[in-house]
Every structure is written in structure tokens, then in C-alpha cells.
Full PDB file with SEQRES, HELIX, SHEET, SSBOND, CRYST1, ORIGX, SCALE, CONECT and MASTER records, all heavy atoms in Angstrom:
SEQRES   1 A   38  MET ILE ALA ILE ILE ILE LEU LEU ALA SER GLY PRO GLY          
SEQRES   2 A   38  MET ASP LYS PRO THR VAL ILE LEU GLY TYR VAL LEU LEU          
SEQRES   3 A   38  TYR GLY ALA ALA ILE LEU THR ILE TRP SER MET TYR              
HELIX    1 AA1 ILE A    2  SER A   10  1                                   9    
HELIX    2 AA2 PRO A   17  MET A   37  1                                  21    
CRYST1    1.000    1.000    1.000  90.00  90.00  90.00 P 1           1          
ORIGX1      1.000000  0.000000  0.000000        0.00000                         
ORIGX2      0.000000  1.000000  0.000000        0.00000                         
ORIGX3      0.000000  0.000000  1.000000        0.00000                         
SCALE1      1.000000  0.000000  0.000000        0.00000                         
SCALE2      0.000000  1.000000  0.000000        0.00000                         
SCALE3      0.000000  0.000000  1.000000        0.00000                         
ATOM      1  N   MET A   1       0.777  -1.202   0.006  1.00  0.00           N  
ATOM      2  CA  MET A   1       0.025  -0.034  -0.061  1.00  0.00           C  
ATOM      3  C   MET A   1       0.893   1.262  -0.036  1.00  0.00           C  
ATOM      4  O   MET A   1       0.592   2.233  -0.766  1.00  0.00           O  
ATOM      5  CB  MET A   1      -0.921  -0.014   1.157  1.00  0.00           C  
ATOM      6  CG  MET A   1      -1.913  -1.116   1.258  1.00  0.00           C  
ATOM      7  SD  MET A   1      -3.165  -0.877  -0.121  1.00  0.00           S  
ATOM      8  CE  MET A   1      -4.495  -1.949   0.562  1.00  0.00           C  
ATOM      9  N   ILE A   2       1.861   1.348   0.925  1.00  0.00           N  
ATOM     10  CA  ILE A   2       2.817   2.432   0.828  1.00  0.00           C  
ATOM     11  C   ILE A   2       3.456   2.570  -0.506  1.00  0.00           C  
ATOM     12  O   ILE A   2       3.616   3.760  -1.012  1.00  0.00           O  
ATOM     13  CB  ILE A   2       3.963   2.282   1.959  1.00  0.00           C  
ATOM     14  CG1 ILE A   2       3.207   2.329   3.392  1.00  0.00           C  
ATOM     15  CG2 ILE A   2       4.910   3.340   1.886  1.00  0.00           C  
ATOM     16  CD1 ILE A   2       4.010   1.873   4.584  1.00  0.00           C  
ATOM     17  N   ALA A   3       3.955   1.502  -1.088  1.00  0.00           N  
ATOM     18  CA  ALA A   3       4.610   1.578  -2.454  1.00  0.00           C  
ATOM     19  C   ALA A   3       3.701   2.180  -3.471  1.00  0.00           C  
ATOM     20  O   ALA A   3       4.039   2.983  -4.237  1.00  0.00           O  
ATOM     21  CB  ALA A   3       5.097   0.256  -2.810  1.00  0.00           C  
ATOM     22  N   ILE A   4       2.362   1.630  -3.504  1.00  0.00           N  
ATOM     23  CA  ILE A   4       1.378   2.195  -4.442  1.00  0.00           C  
ATOM     24  C   ILE A   4       1.138   3.674  -4.220  1.00  0.00           C  
ATOM     25  O   ILE A   4       1.071   4.336  -5.271  1.00  0.00           O  
ATOM     26  CB  ILE A   4       0.140   1.327  -4.505  1.00  0.00           C  
ATOM     27  CG1 ILE A   4       0.443  -0.097  -4.954  1.00  0.00           C  
ATOM     28  CG2 ILE A   4      -0.985   1.961  -5.133  1.00  0.00           C  
ATOM     29  CD1 ILE A   4      -0.650  -1.134  -4.727  1.00  0.00           C  
ATOM     30  N   ILE A   5       0.986   4.091  -2.990  1.00  0.00           N  
ATOM     31  CA  ILE A   5       0.676   5.503  -2.713  1.00  0.00           C  
ATOM     32  C   ILE A   5       1.889   6.384  -3.141  1.00  0.00           C  
ATOM     33  O   ILE A   5       1.643   7.339  -3.875  1.00  0.00           O  
ATOM     34  CB  ILE A   5       0.465   5.721  -1.141  1.00  0.00           C  
ATOM     35  CG1 ILE A   5      -0.874   5.102  -0.807  1.00  0.00           C  
ATOM     36  CG2 ILE A   5       0.528   7.202  -0.902  1.00  0.00           C  
ATOM     37  CD1 ILE A   5      -1.068   4.891   0.619  1.00  0.00           C  
ATOM     38  N   ILE A   6       3.126   5.927  -2.925  1.00  0.00           N  
ATOM     39  CA  ILE A   6       4.308   6.697  -3.344  1.00  0.00           C  
ATOM     40  C   ILE A   6       4.322   6.732  -4.923  1.00  0.00           C  
ATOM     41  O   ILE A   6       4.560   7.859  -5.461  1.00  0.00           O  
ATOM     42  CB  ILE A   6       5.536   6.105  -2.768  1.00  0.00           C  
ATOM     43  CG1 ILE A   6       5.703   6.259  -1.272  1.00  0.00           C  
ATOM     44  CG2 ILE A   6       6.862   6.636  -3.547  1.00  0.00           C  
ATOM     45  CD1 ILE A   6       6.726   5.528  -0.527  1.00  0.00           C  
ATOM     46  N   LEU A   7       4.119   5.616  -5.552  1.00  0.00           N  
ATOM     47  CA  LEU A   7       4.190   5.624  -7.029  1.00  0.00           C  
ATOM     48  C   LEU A   7       3.062   6.394  -7.674  1.00  0.00           C  
ATOM     49  O   LEU A   7       3.412   7.139  -8.736  1.00  0.00           O  
ATOM     50  CB  LEU A   7       4.172   4.128  -7.519  1.00  0.00           C  
ATOM     51  CG  LEU A   7       5.492   3.432  -7.230  1.00  0.00           C  
ATOM     52  CD1 LEU A   7       5.374   1.895  -7.491  1.00  0.00           C  
ATOM     53  CD2 LEU A   7       6.664   3.917  -8.006  1.00  0.00           C  
ATOM     54  N   LEU A   8       1.852   6.292  -7.124  1.00  0.00           N  
ATOM     55  CA  LEU A   8       0.786   7.125  -7.618  1.00  0.00           C  
ATOM     56  C   LEU A   8       1.092   8.557  -7.419  1.00  0.00           C  
ATOM     57  O   LEU A   8       0.873   9.416  -8.419  1.00  0.00           O  
ATOM     58  CB  LEU A   8      -0.616   6.818  -6.920  1.00  0.00           C  
ATOM     59  CG  LEU A   8      -1.250   5.559  -7.315  1.00  0.00           C  
ATOM     60  CD1 LEU A   8      -2.395   5.199  -6.396  1.00  0.00           C  
ATOM     61  CD2 LEU A   8      -1.793   5.537  -8.787  1.00  0.00           C  
ATOM     62  N   ALA A   9       1.597   8.926  -6.336  1.00  0.00           N  
ATOM     63  CA  ALA A   9       1.849  10.384  -6.043  1.00  0.00           C  
ATOM     64  C   ALA A   9       2.990  10.953  -6.893  1.00  0.00           C  
ATOM     65  O   ALA A   9       3.010  12.149  -7.271  1.00  0.00           O  
ATOM     66  CB  ALA A   9       2.128  10.570  -4.605  1.00  0.00           C  
ATOM     67  N   SER A  10       3.902  10.068  -7.291  1.00  0.00           N  
ATOM     68  CA  SER A  10       5.198  10.583  -7.880  1.00  0.00           C  
ATOM     69  C   SER A  10       5.000  10.749  -9.376  1.00  0.00           C  
ATOM     70  O   SER A  10       5.689  11.574  -9.987  1.00  0.00           O  
ATOM     71  CB  SER A  10       6.249   9.618  -7.640  1.00  0.00           C  
ATOM     72  OG  SER A  10       6.559   9.566  -6.229  1.00  0.00           O  
ATOM     73  N   GLY A  11       4.064   9.958 -10.013  1.00  0.00           N  
ATOM     74  CA  GLY A  11       4.114   9.877 -11.446  1.00  0.00           C  
ATOM     75  C   GLY A  11       5.239   9.190 -12.102  1.00  0.00           C  
ATOM     76  O   GLY A  11       6.143   8.714 -11.156  1.00  0.00           O  
ATOM     77  N   PRO A  12       5.352   9.127 -13.344  1.00  0.00           N  
ATOM     78  CA  PRO A  12       6.433   8.427 -13.960  1.00  0.00           C  
ATOM     79  C   PRO A  12       7.743   9.090 -13.855  1.00  0.00           C  
ATOM     80  O   PRO A  12       7.836  10.346 -13.720  1.00  0.00           O  
ATOM     81  CB  PRO A  12       5.950   8.155 -15.306  1.00  0.00           C  
ATOM     82  CG  PRO A  12       5.151   9.407 -15.636  1.00  0.00           C  
ATOM     83  CD  PRO A  12       4.414   9.668 -14.386  1.00  0.00           C  
ATOM     84  N   GLY A  13       8.902   8.333 -14.119  1.00  0.00           N  
ATOM     85  CA  GLY A  13      10.177   8.928 -14.194  1.00  0.00           C  
ATOM     86  C   GLY A  13      11.173   8.369 -13.198  1.00  0.00           C  
ATOM     87  O   GLY A  13      11.061   8.577 -12.024  1.00  0.00           O  
ATOM     88  N   MET A  14      12.050   7.599 -13.724  1.00  0.00           N  
ATOM     89  CA  MET A  14      13.122   6.925 -12.892  1.00  0.00           C  
ATOM     90  C   MET A  14      14.119   7.852 -12.277  1.00  0.00           C  
ATOM     91  O   MET A  14      14.952   7.470 -11.505  1.00  0.00           O  
ATOM     92  CB  MET A  14      13.802   5.823 -13.666  1.00  0.00           C  
ATOM     93  CG  MET A  14      13.037   4.585 -13.883  1.00  0.00           C  
ATOM     94  SD  MET A  14      12.568   3.677 -12.370  1.00  0.00           S  
ATOM     95  CE  MET A  14      14.185   3.105 -11.926  1.00  0.00           C  
ATOM     96  N   ASP A  15      14.005   9.198 -12.700  1.00  0.00           N  
ATOM     97  CA  ASP A  15      15.015  10.189 -12.234  1.00  0.00           C  
ATOM     98  C   ASP A  15      14.542  10.645 -10.834  1.00  0.00           C  
ATOM     99  O   ASP A  15      15.338  11.484 -10.215  1.00  0.00           O  
ATOM    100  CB  ASP A  15      15.149  11.255 -13.196  1.00  0.00           C  
ATOM    101  CG  ASP A  15      13.870  11.930 -13.635  1.00  0.00           C  
ATOM    102  OD1 ASP A  15      12.750  11.299 -13.379  1.00  0.00           O  
ATOM    103  OD2 ASP A  15      13.903  13.151 -13.989  1.00  0.00           O  
ATOM    104  N   LYS A  16      13.327  10.323 -10.393  1.00  0.00           N  
ATOM    105  CA  LYS A  16      12.777  10.820  -9.090  1.00  0.00           C  
ATOM    106  C   LYS A  16      13.224   9.784  -7.915  1.00  0.00           C  
ATOM    107  O   LYS A  16      12.823   8.570  -8.124  1.00  0.00           O  
ATOM    108  CB  LYS A  16      11.347  11.011  -9.201  1.00  0.00           C  
ATOM    109  CG  LYS A  16      10.926  12.024 -10.193  1.00  0.00           C  
ATOM    110  CD  LYS A  16       9.320  11.949 -10.357  1.00  0.00           C  
ATOM    111  CE  LYS A  16       8.725  12.832 -11.513  1.00  0.00           C  
ATOM    112  NZ  LYS A  16       7.311  12.556 -11.648  1.00  0.00           N  
ATOM    113  N   PRO A  17      13.696  10.297  -6.871  1.00  0.00           N  
ATOM    114  CA  PRO A  17      14.034   9.537  -5.773  1.00  0.00           C  
ATOM    115  C   PRO A  17      12.871   8.763  -5.210  1.00  0.00           C  
ATOM    116  O   PRO A  17      12.886   7.588  -4.695  1.00  0.00           O  
ATOM    117  CB  PRO A  17      14.578  10.357  -4.714  1.00  0.00           C  
ATOM    118  CG  PRO A  17      15.074  11.561  -5.460  1.00  0.00           C  
ATOM    119  CD  PRO A  17      14.278  11.629  -6.665  1.00  0.00           C  
ATOM    120  N   THR A  18      11.616   9.386  -5.277  1.00  0.00           N  
ATOM    121  CA  THR A  18      10.423   8.834  -4.678  1.00  0.00           C  
ATOM    122  C   THR A  18       9.955   7.638  -5.587  1.00  0.00           C  
ATOM    123  O   THR A  18       9.466   6.676  -4.965  1.00  0.00           O  
ATOM    124  CB  THR A  18       9.292   9.838  -4.503  1.00  0.00           C  
ATOM    125  OG1 THR A  18       9.038  10.470  -5.889  1.00  0.00           O  
ATOM    126  CG2 THR A  18       9.516  10.897  -3.517  1.00  0.00           C  
ATOM    127  N   VAL A  19      10.246   7.710  -6.930  1.00  0.00           N  
ATOM    128  CA  VAL A  19       9.794   6.630  -7.748  1.00  0.00           C  
ATOM    129  C   VAL A  19      10.668   5.403  -7.410  1.00  0.00           C  
ATOM    130  O   VAL A  19      10.166   4.331  -7.407  1.00  0.00           O  
ATOM    131  CB  VAL A  19       9.909   7.040  -9.285  1.00  0.00           C  
ATOM    132  CG1 VAL A  19       9.659   5.818 -10.160  1.00  0.00           C  
ATOM    133  CG2 VAL A  19       8.869   8.138  -9.604  1.00  0.00           C  
ATOM    134  N   ILE A  20      11.960   5.697  -7.348  1.00  0.00           N  
ATOM    135  CA  ILE A  20      12.961   4.650  -6.958  1.00  0.00           C  
ATOM    136  C   ILE A  20      12.559   3.935  -5.637  1.00  0.00           C  
ATOM    137  O   ILE A  20      12.504   2.729  -5.540  1.00  0.00           O  
ATOM    138  CB  ILE A  20      14.409   5.098  -6.949  1.00  0.00           C  
ATOM    139  CG1 ILE A  20      14.796   5.625  -8.377  1.00  0.00           C  
ATOM    140  CG2 ILE A  20      15.360   4.121  -6.437  1.00  0.00           C  
ATOM    141  CD1 ILE A  20      16.114   6.360  -8.501  1.00  0.00           C  
ATOM    142  N   LEU A  21      12.158   4.749  -4.583  1.00  0.00           N  
ATOM    143  CA  LEU A  21      11.624   4.228  -3.338  1.00  0.00           C  
ATOM    144  C   LEU A  21      10.486   3.350  -3.565  1.00  0.00           C  
ATOM    145  O   LEU A  21      10.414   2.282  -2.968  1.00  0.00           O  
ATOM    146  CB  LEU A  21      11.411   5.440  -2.384  1.00  0.00           C  
ATOM    147  CG  LEU A  21      10.851   4.986  -1.025  1.00  0.00           C  
ATOM    148  CD1 LEU A  21      11.889   4.017  -0.234  1.00  0.00           C  
ATOM    149  CD2 LEU A  21      10.477   6.211  -0.218  1.00  0.00           C  
ATOM    150  N   GLY A  22       9.536   3.856  -4.468  1.00  0.00           N  
ATOM    151  CA  GLY A  22       8.287   3.139  -4.609  1.00  0.00           C  
ATOM    152  C   GLY A  22       8.675   1.827  -5.255  1.00  0.00           C  
ATOM    153  O   GLY A  22       8.013   0.817  -4.956  1.00  0.00           O  
ATOM    154  N   TYR A  23       9.536   1.741  -6.219  1.00  0.00           N  
ATOM    155  CA  TYR A  23       9.881   0.583  -6.870  1.00  0.00           C  
ATOM    156  C   TYR A  23      10.445  -0.510  -5.929  1.00  0.00           C  
ATOM    157  O   TYR A  23      10.272  -1.616  -5.928  1.00  0.00           O  
ATOM    158  CB  TYR A  23      10.841   0.800  -7.983  1.00  0.00           C  
ATOM    159  CG  TYR A  23      10.282   1.207  -9.345  1.00  0.00           C  
ATOM    160  CD1 TYR A  23       9.062   2.069  -9.398  1.00  0.00           C  
ATOM    161  CD2 TYR A  23      10.855   0.861 -10.562  1.00  0.00           C  
ATOM    162  CE1 TYR A  23       8.555   2.412 -10.622  1.00  0.00           C  
ATOM    163  CE2 TYR A  23      10.285   1.232 -11.703  1.00  0.00           C  
ATOM    164  CZ  TYR A  23       9.178   2.043 -11.767  1.00  0.00           C  
ATOM    165  OH  TYR A  23       8.585   2.499 -12.940  1.00  0.00           O  
ATOM    166  N   VAL A  24      11.435   0.014  -5.079  1.00  0.00           N  
ATOM    167  CA  VAL A  24      12.127  -0.810  -4.058  1.00  0.00           C  
ATOM    168  C   VAL A  24      11.112  -1.490  -3.108  1.00  0.00           C  
ATOM    169  O   VAL A  24      11.101  -2.624  -2.818  1.00  0.00           O  
ATOM    170  CB  VAL A  24      13.177  -0.054  -3.230  1.00  0.00           C  
ATOM    171  CG1 VAL A  24      13.737  -0.783  -2.087  1.00  0.00           C  
ATOM    172  CG2 VAL A  24      14.303   0.385  -4.187  1.00  0.00           C  
ATOM    173  N   LEU A  25      10.164  -0.558  -2.679  1.00  0.00           N  
ATOM    174  CA  LEU A  25       9.153  -1.132  -1.700  1.00  0.00           C  
ATOM    175  C   LEU A  25       8.181  -2.146  -2.478  1.00  0.00           C  
ATOM    176  O   LEU A  25       7.829  -3.154  -1.867  1.00  0.00           O  
ATOM    177  CB  LEU A  25       8.287   0.053  -1.220  1.00  0.00           C  
ATOM    178  CG  LEU A  25       9.046   0.946  -0.113  1.00  0.00           C  
ATOM    179  CD1 LEU A  25       8.121   2.130   0.179  1.00  0.00           C  
ATOM    180  CD2 LEU A  25       9.300   0.241   1.065  1.00  0.00           C  
ATOM    181  N   LEU A  26       7.888  -1.800  -3.757  1.00  0.00           N  
ATOM    182  CA  LEU A  26       6.984  -2.812  -4.457  1.00  0.00           C  
ATOM    183  C   LEU A  26       7.732  -4.142  -4.691  1.00  0.00           C  
ATOM    184  O   LEU A  26       7.092  -5.144  -4.551  1.00  0.00           O  
ATOM    185  CB  LEU A  26       6.514  -2.162  -5.797  1.00  0.00           C  
ATOM    186  CG  LEU A  26       5.297  -2.839  -6.414  1.00  0.00           C  
ATOM    187  CD1 LEU A  26       4.098  -2.729  -5.464  1.00  0.00           C  
ATOM    188  CD2 LEU A  26       5.012  -2.146  -7.791  1.00  0.00           C  
ATOM    189  N   TYR A  27       9.042  -4.034  -4.940  1.00  0.00           N  
ATOM    190  CA  TYR A  27       9.760  -5.247  -5.026  1.00  0.00           C  
ATOM    191  C   TYR A  27       9.804  -6.058  -3.750  1.00  0.00           C  
ATOM    192  O   TYR A  27       9.644  -7.212  -3.636  1.00  0.00           O  
ATOM    193  CB  TYR A  27      11.162  -5.091  -5.657  1.00  0.00           C  
ATOM    194  CG  TYR A  27      11.190  -5.155  -7.202  1.00  0.00           C  
ATOM    195  CD1 TYR A  27      10.947  -4.056  -7.899  1.00  0.00           C  
ATOM    196  CD2 TYR A  27      11.406  -6.376  -7.773  1.00  0.00           C  
ATOM    197  CE1 TYR A  27      11.021  -4.199  -9.382  1.00  0.00           C  
ATOM    198  CE2 TYR A  27      11.516  -6.434  -9.272  1.00  0.00           C  
ATOM    199  CZ  TYR A  27      11.230  -5.403  -9.962  1.00  0.00           C  
ATOM    200  OH  TYR A  27      11.182  -5.495 -11.272  1.00  0.00           O  
ATOM    201  N   GLY A  28       9.939  -5.191  -2.659  1.00  0.00           N  
ATOM    202  CA  GLY A  28       9.895  -5.814  -1.281  1.00  0.00           C  
ATOM    203  C   GLY A  28       8.528  -6.548  -1.016  1.00  0.00           C  
ATOM    204  O   GLY A  28       8.507  -7.632  -0.506  1.00  0.00           O  
ATOM    205  N   ALA A  29       7.458  -5.935  -1.403  1.00  0.00           N  
ATOM    206  CA  ALA A  29       6.233  -6.556  -1.285  1.00  0.00           C  
ATOM    207  C   ALA A  29       6.037  -7.739  -2.188  1.00  0.00           C  
ATOM    208  O   ALA A  29       5.459  -8.767  -1.780  1.00  0.00           O  
ATOM    209  CB  ALA A  29       5.026  -5.493  -1.646  1.00  0.00           C  
ATOM    210  N   ALA A  30       6.673  -7.603  -3.343  1.00  0.00           N  
ATOM    211  CA  ALA A  30       6.548  -8.918  -4.202  1.00  0.00           C  
ATOM    212  C   ALA A  30       7.295 -10.026  -3.673  1.00  0.00           C  
ATOM    213  O   ALA A  30       6.791 -11.207  -3.834  1.00  0.00           O  
ATOM    214  CB  ALA A  30       6.992  -8.506  -5.640  1.00  0.00           C  
ATOM    215  N   ILE A  31       8.493  -9.825  -3.081  1.00  0.00           N  
ATOM    216  CA  ILE A  31       9.182 -10.887  -2.406  1.00  0.00           C  
ATOM    217  C   ILE A  31       8.427 -11.465  -1.254  1.00  0.00           C  
ATOM    218  O   ILE A  31       8.323 -12.708  -1.162  1.00  0.00           O  
ATOM    219  CB  ILE A  31      10.630 -10.265  -1.988  1.00  0.00           C  
ATOM    220  CG1 ILE A  31      11.522 -10.032  -3.188  1.00  0.00           C  
ATOM    221  CG2 ILE A  31      11.247 -11.306  -1.070  1.00  0.00           C  
ATOM    222  CD1 ILE A  31      12.760  -9.293  -2.955  1.00  0.00           C  
ATOM    223  N   LEU A  32       7.814 -10.600  -0.400  1.00  0.00           N  
ATOM    224  CA  LEU A  32       7.033 -11.092   0.652  1.00  0.00           C  
ATOM    225  C   LEU A  32       5.837 -11.802   0.209  1.00  0.00           C  
ATOM    226  O   LEU A  32       5.286 -12.689   0.842  1.00  0.00           O  
ATOM    227  CB  LEU A  32       6.547  -9.958   1.603  1.00  0.00           C  
ATOM    228  CG  LEU A  32       7.707  -9.311   2.366  1.00  0.00           C  
ATOM    229  CD1 LEU A  32       7.235  -8.045   3.167  1.00  0.00           C  
ATOM    230  CD2 LEU A  32       8.446 -10.262   3.282  1.00  0.00           C  
ATOM    231  N   THR A  33       5.307 -11.303  -0.942  1.00  0.00           N  
ATOM    232  CA  THR A  33       4.121 -11.966  -1.614  1.00  0.00           C  
ATOM    233  C   THR A  33       4.525 -13.495  -1.988  1.00  0.00           C  
ATOM    234  O   THR A  33       3.705 -14.380  -1.726  1.00  0.00           O  
ATOM    235  CB  THR A  33       3.743 -11.142  -2.877  1.00  0.00           C  
ATOM    236  OG1 THR A  33       3.151 -10.056  -2.620  1.00  0.00           O  
ATOM    237  CG2 THR A  33       2.784 -12.018  -3.756  1.00  0.00           C  
ATOM    238  N   ILE A  34       5.638 -13.647  -2.591  1.00  0.00           N  
ATOM    239  CA  ILE A  34       6.147 -15.083  -2.901  1.00  0.00           C  
ATOM    240  C   ILE A  34       6.271 -15.883  -1.637  1.00  0.00           C  
ATOM    241  O   ILE A  34       5.848 -16.957  -1.564  1.00  0.00           O  
ATOM    242  CB  ILE A  34       7.391 -15.004  -3.742  1.00  0.00           C  
ATOM    243  CG1 ILE A  34       7.067 -14.252  -5.067  1.00  0.00           C  
ATOM    244  CG2 ILE A  34       7.912 -16.328  -3.870  1.00  0.00           C  
ATOM    245  CD1 ILE A  34       8.226 -13.961  -5.915  1.00  0.00           C  
ATOM    246  N   TRP A  35       6.878 -15.179  -0.657  1.00  0.00           N  
ATOM    247  CA  TRP A  35       7.107 -15.995   0.641  1.00  0.00           C  
ATOM    248  C   TRP A  35       5.836 -16.391   1.278  1.00  0.00           C  
ATOM    249  O   TRP A  35       5.633 -17.464   1.731  1.00  0.00           O  
ATOM    250  CB  TRP A  35       8.006 -15.109   1.573  1.00  0.00           C  
ATOM    251  CG  TRP A  35       8.319 -15.873   2.853  1.00  0.00           C  
ATOM    252  CD1 TRP A  35       7.918 -15.622   4.125  1.00  0.00           C  
ATOM    253  CD2 TRP A  35       9.114 -17.048   2.961  1.00  0.00           C  
ATOM    254  NE1 TRP A  35       8.408 -16.432   4.995  1.00  0.00           N  
ATOM    255  CE2 TRP A  35       9.159 -17.430   4.329  1.00  0.00           C  
ATOM    256  CE3 TRP A  35       9.837 -17.748   2.085  1.00  0.00           C  
ATOM    257  CZ2 TRP A  35       9.846 -18.421   4.798  1.00  0.00           C  
ATOM    258  CZ3 TRP A  35      10.523 -18.918   2.553  1.00  0.00           C  
ATOM    259  CH2 TRP A  35      10.447 -19.250   3.882  1.00  0.00           C  
ATOM    260  N   SER A  36       4.815 -15.518   1.378  1.00  0.00           N  
ATOM    261  CA  SER A  36       3.615 -15.823   2.018  1.00  0.00           C  
ATOM    262  C   SER A  36       2.903 -16.819   1.244  1.00  0.00           C  
ATOM    263  O   SER A  36       2.136 -17.630   1.749  1.00  0.00           O  
ATOM    264  CB  SER A  36       2.663 -14.553   2.273  1.00  0.00           C  
ATOM    265  OG  SER A  36       2.229 -13.881   1.043  1.00  0.00           O  
ATOM    266  N   MET A  37       2.914 -16.684  -0.146  1.00  0.00           N  
ATOM    267  CA  MET A  37       2.229 -17.799  -1.017  1.00  0.00           C  
ATOM    268  C   MET A  37       2.881 -19.070  -0.698  1.00  0.00           C  
ATOM    269  O   MET A  37       2.233 -20.153  -0.625  1.00  0.00           O  
ATOM    270  CB  MET A  37       2.485 -17.362  -2.444  1.00  0.00           C  
ATOM    271  CG  MET A  37       1.609 -18.321  -3.441  1.00  0.00           C  
ATOM    272  SD  MET A  37      -0.176 -17.920  -3.212  1.00  0.00           S  
ATOM    273  CE  MET A  37      -0.643 -19.401  -2.429  1.00  0.00           C  
ATOM    274  N   TYR A  38       4.172 -19.178  -0.500  1.00  0.00           N  
ATOM    275  CA  TYR A  38       4.864 -20.434  -0.213  1.00  0.00           C  
ATOM    276  C   TYR A  38       4.325 -20.956   1.113  1.00  0.00           C  
ATOM    277  O   TYR A  38       4.073 -22.151   1.233  1.00  0.00           O  
ATOM    278  CB  TYR A  38       6.460 -20.174  -0.095  1.00  0.00           C  
ATOM    279  CG  TYR A  38       7.066 -21.363   0.508  1.00  0.00           C  
ATOM    280  CD1 TYR A  38       7.376 -22.634  -0.195  1.00  0.00           C  
ATOM    281  CD2 TYR A  38       7.572 -21.286   1.853  1.00  0.00           C  
ATOM    282  CE1 TYR A  38       8.038 -23.588   0.393  1.00  0.00           C  
ATOM    283  CE2 TYR A  38       8.223 -22.327   2.418  1.00  0.00           C  
ATOM    284  CZ  TYR A  38       8.411 -23.429   1.717  1.00  0.00           C  
ATOM    285  OH  TYR A  38       8.970 -24.558   2.324  1.00  0.00           O  
TER     286      TYR A  38                                                      
MASTER        0    0    0    2    0    0    0    6  285    1    0    3          
END                                                                             
């Protein structure tokens, strides 16, 4: 949820630190997603 909020608020553009943070958090959520599914 935090990742989605950050990414929605930031708009596109890999040059923005907030977008990079949103991507990192979303990848963290995806890893936890795989682990919880396991």
C-alpha cells in the first residue's frame, strides 16, 4: 500500500528518488508475496 501510494503520487520517471523508493518497496512487497504464498 505504501509503495502504491508513493508511485501514484510521484508519477512516472526513474529520475525521481520517490519513484525509486516506490519501486524498491514494491519489489519488497513482491518478495514477501512469494514468501507468504509459499
